Protein backbone atom coordinates (compact mmCIF):
# COMPACT_ATOMS: atom_id res chain seq x y z
CA UNK A 1 -87.40 42.55 61.51
CA UNK A 2 -87.39 38.85 62.38
CA UNK A 3 -89.92 38.13 59.68
CA UNK A 4 -87.74 40.01 57.14
CA UNK A 5 -84.67 38.01 58.16
CA UNK A 6 -86.57 34.75 57.71
CA UNK A 7 -88.10 35.69 54.35
CA UNK A 8 -84.82 36.83 52.75
CA UNK A 9 -83.07 33.41 52.89
CA UNK A 10 -86.23 31.69 51.69
CA UNK A 11 -86.49 34.08 48.77
CA UNK A 12 -82.84 33.49 47.87
CA UNK A 13 -83.36 29.73 47.97
CA UNK A 14 -86.47 30.06 45.81
CA UNK A 15 -84.67 32.15 43.20
CA UNK A 16 -81.72 29.77 43.24
CA UNK A 17 -84.06 26.83 42.57
CA UNK A 18 -85.67 28.74 39.69
CA UNK A 19 -82.18 29.47 38.35
CA UNK A 20 -81.29 25.77 38.37
CA UNK A 21 -84.58 24.87 36.67
CA UNK A 22 -84.46 27.35 33.80
CA UNK A 23 -80.76 27.94 33.06
CA UNK A 24 -80.44 24.67 31.06
CA UNK A 25 -83.47 25.65 28.96
CA UNK A 26 -82.05 29.13 28.43
CA UNK A 27 -78.74 27.59 27.34
CA UNK A 28 -80.52 25.45 24.75
CA UNK A 29 -82.27 28.52 23.34
CA UNK A 30 -78.95 30.41 23.33
CA UNK A 31 -77.13 27.75 21.31
CA UNK A 32 -80.03 27.34 18.89
CA UNK A 33 -79.43 30.88 17.56
CA UNK A 34 -75.63 30.90 17.90
CA UNK A 35 -73.82 31.04 14.56
CA UNK A 36 -71.38 28.23 15.32
CA UNK A 37 -71.70 24.48 15.10
CA UNK A 38 -69.04 23.71 17.69
CA UNK A 39 -67.75 25.51 20.73
CA UNK A 40 -69.35 27.63 23.44
CA UNK A 41 -68.36 31.09 22.26
CA UNK A 42 -70.88 33.49 20.77
CA UNK A 43 -70.34 33.98 17.01
CA UNK A 44 -73.43 35.99 16.13
CA UNK A 45 -77.18 35.61 15.76
CA UNK A 46 -78.53 33.23 13.12
CA UNK A 47 -81.70 31.33 12.27
CA UNK A 48 -79.98 28.89 9.89
CA UNK A 49 -80.35 26.00 12.33
CA UNK A 50 -84.13 26.46 12.35
CA UNK A 51 -84.22 26.53 8.54
CA UNK A 52 -82.21 23.32 8.41
CA UNK A 53 -84.43 21.84 11.10
CA UNK A 54 -87.66 22.40 9.16
CA UNK A 55 -85.98 21.18 6.00
CA UNK A 56 -85.01 17.85 7.56
CA UNK A 57 -87.56 15.23 6.46
CA UNK A 58 -86.51 12.78 9.20
CA UNK A 59 -87.21 15.30 11.95
CA UNK A 60 -90.54 16.26 10.38
CA UNK A 61 -91.54 12.60 10.17
CA UNK A 62 -90.60 12.05 13.82
CA UNK A 63 -92.61 15.14 14.81
CA UNK A 64 -95.61 13.90 12.85
CA UNK A 65 -95.36 10.49 14.54
CA UNK A 66 -95.16 12.11 17.98
CA UNK A 67 -98.26 14.22 17.33
CA UNK A 68 -100.26 11.27 15.98
CA UNK A 69 -99.35 9.06 18.94
CA UNK A 70 -99.99 11.85 21.47
CA UNK A 71 -103.37 12.83 20.01
CA UNK A 72 -104.73 9.29 19.59
CA UNK A 73 -103.45 8.00 22.93
CA UNK A 74 -104.71 11.12 24.74
CA UNK A 75 -108.19 10.72 23.27
CA UNK A 76 -108.38 7.07 24.29
CA UNK A 77 -106.89 7.63 27.74
CA UNK A 78 -109.16 10.61 28.45
CA UNK A 79 -112.33 8.61 27.72
CA UNK A 80 -111.21 5.54 29.68
CA UNK A 81 -109.67 7.54 32.53
CA UNK A 82 -112.78 9.68 32.99
CA UNK A 83 -115.04 6.63 33.00
CA UNK A 84 -112.70 4.91 35.45
CA UNK A 85 -112.69 7.92 37.78
CA UNK A 86 -116.48 8.05 37.76
CA UNK A 87 -116.71 4.34 38.52
CA UNK A 88 -114.22 4.52 41.38
CA UNK A 89 -115.95 7.60 42.80
CA UNK A 90 -119.24 5.73 42.99
CA UNK A 91 -117.69 2.67 44.65
CA UNK A 92 -117.85 2.69 48.43
CA UNK A 93 -114.60 0.75 48.92
CA UNK A 94 -112.44 0.65 45.77
CA UNK A 95 -109.73 -1.25 47.64
CA UNK A 96 -107.41 -3.15 45.32
CA UNK A 97 -108.84 -1.50 42.20
CA UNK A 98 -107.81 1.91 43.50
CA UNK A 99 -104.29 0.61 44.09
CA UNK A 100 -104.07 -0.88 40.60
CA UNK A 101 -105.21 2.36 38.99
CA UNK A 102 -102.57 4.45 40.78
CA UNK A 103 -99.79 1.86 40.38
CA UNK A 104 -98.56 3.05 36.93
CA UNK A 105 -97.91 6.51 38.42
CA UNK A 106 -95.34 5.24 40.93
CA UNK A 107 -93.89 2.25 39.04
CA UNK A 108 -90.61 3.16 37.27
CA UNK A 109 -90.95 3.60 33.53
CA UNK A 110 -88.30 1.00 32.78
CA UNK A 111 -90.34 -1.67 34.57
CA UNK A 112 -93.47 -0.65 32.68
CA UNK A 113 -91.56 -0.72 29.40
CA UNK A 114 -90.11 -4.19 29.99
CA UNK A 115 -93.52 -5.51 31.08
CA UNK A 116 -95.18 -4.09 27.96
CA UNK A 117 -92.48 -5.59 25.73
CA UNK A 118 -93.01 -9.03 27.26
CA UNK A 119 -96.80 -8.70 26.96
CA UNK A 120 -96.63 -7.68 23.30
CA UNK A 121 -94.17 -10.49 22.57
CA UNK A 122 -96.64 -12.99 24.04
CA UNK A 123 -99.64 -11.52 22.20
CA UNK A 124 -97.72 -11.41 18.92
CA UNK A 125 -98.08 -15.19 18.71
CA UNK A 126 -101.87 -14.73 18.40
CA UNK A 127 -102.06 -11.64 16.19
CA UNK A 128 -99.72 -9.63 13.98
CA UNK A 129 -101.43 -6.51 15.33
CA UNK A 130 -98.97 -6.62 18.23
CA UNK A 131 -95.89 -6.32 16.02
CA UNK A 132 -93.87 -3.35 17.18
CA UNK A 133 -95.29 -0.24 15.52
CA UNK A 134 -97.89 2.46 15.95
CA UNK A 135 -100.43 0.18 17.63
CA UNK A 136 -98.05 -1.03 20.35
CA UNK A 137 -96.65 2.50 20.78
CA UNK A 138 -100.12 3.99 21.29
CA UNK A 139 -101.15 1.12 23.58
CA UNK A 140 -98.02 1.64 25.66
CA UNK A 141 -98.75 5.35 26.09
CA UNK A 142 -102.39 4.72 26.99
CA UNK A 143 -101.35 2.36 29.81
CA UNK A 144 -99.68 5.15 31.81
CA UNK A 145 -101.87 8.04 30.64
CA UNK A 146 -105.07 6.50 32.02
CA UNK A 147 -103.84 6.74 35.60
CA UNK A 148 -103.00 10.44 35.34
CA UNK A 149 -106.37 11.27 33.76
CA UNK A 150 -108.25 9.23 36.36
CA UNK A 151 -106.32 10.87 39.22
CA UNK A 152 -107.05 14.38 37.91
CA UNK A 153 -110.76 13.73 37.37
CA UNK A 154 -111.10 12.01 40.76
CA UNK A 155 -109.60 15.05 42.45
CA UNK A 156 -112.32 17.17 40.88
CA UNK A 157 -115.01 14.66 41.86
CA UNK A 158 -113.82 14.74 45.48
CA UNK A 159 -114.30 18.52 45.71
CA UNK A 160 -117.29 18.87 43.39
CA UNK A 161 -120.58 20.14 44.76
CA UNK A 162 -122.83 17.08 44.86
CA UNK A 163 -126.00 19.07 45.54
CA UNK A 164 -126.62 19.79 41.85
CA UNK A 165 -126.28 16.15 40.86
CA UNK A 166 -128.53 15.05 43.74
CA UNK A 167 -131.07 17.72 42.82
CA UNK A 168 -131.21 16.37 39.27
CA UNK A 169 -131.90 12.89 40.64
CA UNK A 170 -134.61 14.24 42.95
CA UNK A 171 -136.28 15.83 39.93
CA UNK A 172 -136.40 12.39 38.23
CA UNK A 173 -133.86 13.24 35.53
CA UNK A 174 -132.69 10.28 33.50
CA UNK A 175 -129.09 9.24 34.38
CA UNK A 176 -127.77 10.01 30.90
CA UNK A 177 -129.54 13.39 30.79
CA UNK A 178 -128.37 14.36 34.26
CA UNK A 179 -124.81 13.34 33.46
CA UNK A 180 -124.55 15.29 30.19
CA UNK A 181 -126.34 18.40 31.48
CA UNK A 182 -125.13 18.59 35.08
CA UNK A 183 -122.18 16.32 35.95
CA UNK A 184 -120.19 16.62 32.71
CA UNK A 185 -120.07 20.46 32.68
CA UNK A 186 -118.76 20.40 36.25
CA UNK A 187 -116.08 17.88 35.29
CA UNK A 188 -115.05 19.65 32.07
CA UNK A 189 -112.08 21.62 33.54
CA UNK A 190 -110.66 18.49 35.20
CA UNK A 191 -111.12 16.41 32.04
CA UNK A 192 -109.32 19.09 30.02
CA UNK A 193 -106.51 19.26 32.59
CA UNK A 194 -106.13 15.48 32.55
CA UNK A 195 -106.07 15.43 28.75
CA UNK A 196 -103.41 18.16 28.60
CA UNK A 197 -101.31 16.32 31.16
CA UNK A 198 -101.62 13.07 29.22
CA UNK A 199 -100.73 14.85 25.96
CA UNK A 200 -97.56 16.43 27.34
CA UNK A 201 -96.50 13.17 29.00
CA UNK A 202 -96.91 11.38 25.68
CA UNK A 203 -94.86 13.96 23.79
CA UNK A 204 -92.03 13.79 26.34
CA UNK A 205 -91.99 10.04 26.90
CA UNK A 206 -88.83 8.22 25.85
CA UNK A 207 -88.41 4.96 27.79
CA UNK A 208 -91.76 3.35 27.01
CA UNK A 209 -91.62 4.69 23.45
CA UNK A 210 -88.14 3.24 22.98
CA UNK A 211 -89.27 -0.25 24.01
CA UNK A 212 -92.58 -0.29 22.11
CA UNK A 213 -91.89 1.57 18.85
CA UNK A 214 -91.25 0.06 15.45
CA UNK A 215 -89.07 1.07 12.48
CA UNK A 216 -91.81 3.32 11.07
CA UNK A 217 -92.92 4.87 14.37
CA UNK A 218 -89.89 6.80 15.58
CA UNK A 219 -90.91 9.71 17.80
CA UNK A 220 -89.07 12.95 18.53
CA UNK A 221 -87.55 11.82 21.88
CA UNK A 222 -86.19 8.68 20.19
CA UNK A 223 -84.84 10.72 17.29
CA UNK A 224 -83.15 13.17 19.66
CA UNK A 225 -81.60 10.30 21.61
CA UNK A 226 -80.19 8.74 18.44
CA UNK A 227 -78.87 12.11 17.27
CA UNK A 228 -77.23 12.95 20.61
CA UNK A 229 -75.20 9.73 20.44
CA UNK A 230 -73.54 11.16 17.33
CA UNK A 231 -72.99 14.51 19.01
CA UNK A 232 -75.22 17.42 19.98
CA UNK A 233 -75.71 19.69 16.97
CA UNK A 234 -77.37 23.12 16.75
CA UNK A 235 -80.30 21.47 14.95
CA UNK A 236 -80.99 19.49 18.13
CA UNK A 237 -80.90 22.72 20.14
CA UNK A 238 -83.35 24.27 17.68
CA UNK A 239 -85.62 21.22 17.89
CA UNK A 240 -85.50 21.33 21.70
CA UNK A 241 -86.35 25.04 21.64
CA UNK A 242 -89.35 24.42 19.39
CA UNK A 243 -90.59 21.63 21.69
CA UNK A 244 -90.08 23.85 24.74
CA UNK A 245 -91.96 26.74 23.15
CA UNK A 246 -94.81 24.45 22.06
CA UNK A 247 -95.07 23.01 25.59
CA UNK A 248 -95.18 26.46 27.21
CA UNK A 249 -97.81 27.62 24.71
CA UNK A 250 -99.85 24.49 25.38
CA UNK A 251 -99.73 25.08 29.13
CA UNK A 252 -100.83 28.71 28.75
CA UNK A 253 -103.72 27.73 26.47
CA UNK A 254 -104.72 24.90 28.81
CA UNK A 255 -104.74 27.20 31.84
CA UNK A 256 -106.90 29.77 30.08
CA UNK A 257 -109.29 27.12 28.80
CA UNK A 258 -109.52 25.53 32.25
CA UNK A 259 -110.21 28.93 33.80
CA UNK A 260 -112.89 29.70 31.22
CA UNK A 261 -114.46 26.28 31.60
CA UNK A 262 -114.35 26.56 35.38
CA UNK A 263 -116.37 29.77 35.34
CA UNK A 264 -118.87 28.41 32.84
CA UNK A 265 -119.21 24.87 34.15
CA UNK A 266 -121.28 25.77 37.18
CA UNK A 267 -123.49 28.05 35.10
CA UNK A 268 -123.98 25.25 32.59
CA UNK A 269 -124.77 22.80 35.37
CA UNK A 270 -127.35 25.16 36.88
CA UNK A 271 -128.82 25.74 33.45
CA UNK A 272 -129.06 22.01 32.92
CA UNK A 273 -130.70 21.63 36.32
CA UNK A 274 -133.23 24.29 35.37
CA UNK A 275 -133.97 22.41 32.16
CA UNK A 276 -134.49 19.22 34.17
CA UNK A 277 -136.85 21.06 36.51
CA UNK A 278 -138.78 22.56 33.61
CA UNK A 279 -139.14 19.14 31.99
């Protein structure tokens, strides 16, 4: 009975927290199909706001810019972050380097954005490449994505079974061969998780994007911010619903891929070890 009395309040608190988390999202979805431009009353179901959304060339351009920036920056950050995690894992005492890698995770975005703006302003005197545009926007995203990728991969390295990697070394496998056939398959789920995290962070980022974008590199968060200043319209609700649906779908796909890779990674590593032994 005592256990039941304790679990009931905790369950109520948990459901209340879930209510607070998802009611705003549900409200956005509700207004995106409500047949009224103003007001909170229900006027009927409609998909006109979605048709207007996909017919708006400015929104489509902003969406294209967001996808380009997210894909390119994620690819760069995943490669650098994975290499950085491997290097830190092999260092006995990372010390200051470890602190510098994790610093972008805890530093407020506004400080990072101002620092990047000052850095690009200084570098602009040496090269026009640092004029505000796609290059500076992608570089700004990479600066904070690397830390999240490195942290995710390092977490996997800390719990990874080292016996397979050591066995490959004992069998005189070349470092590159042992890495691609043994270590990399074991790290694949963590690398994928870090890449998905970096991709979603890039799509959602506003502050750093606002400070580092140019006239031709407006992203969806910046477009939404500019539109909200003129008033929240049903098209914005429809756009938010599309972004929310895409994010949820991405998370589901990422979880299934990570689960599939997790079950296959150890088999692939053992297969690679067998190939090393046979060689």
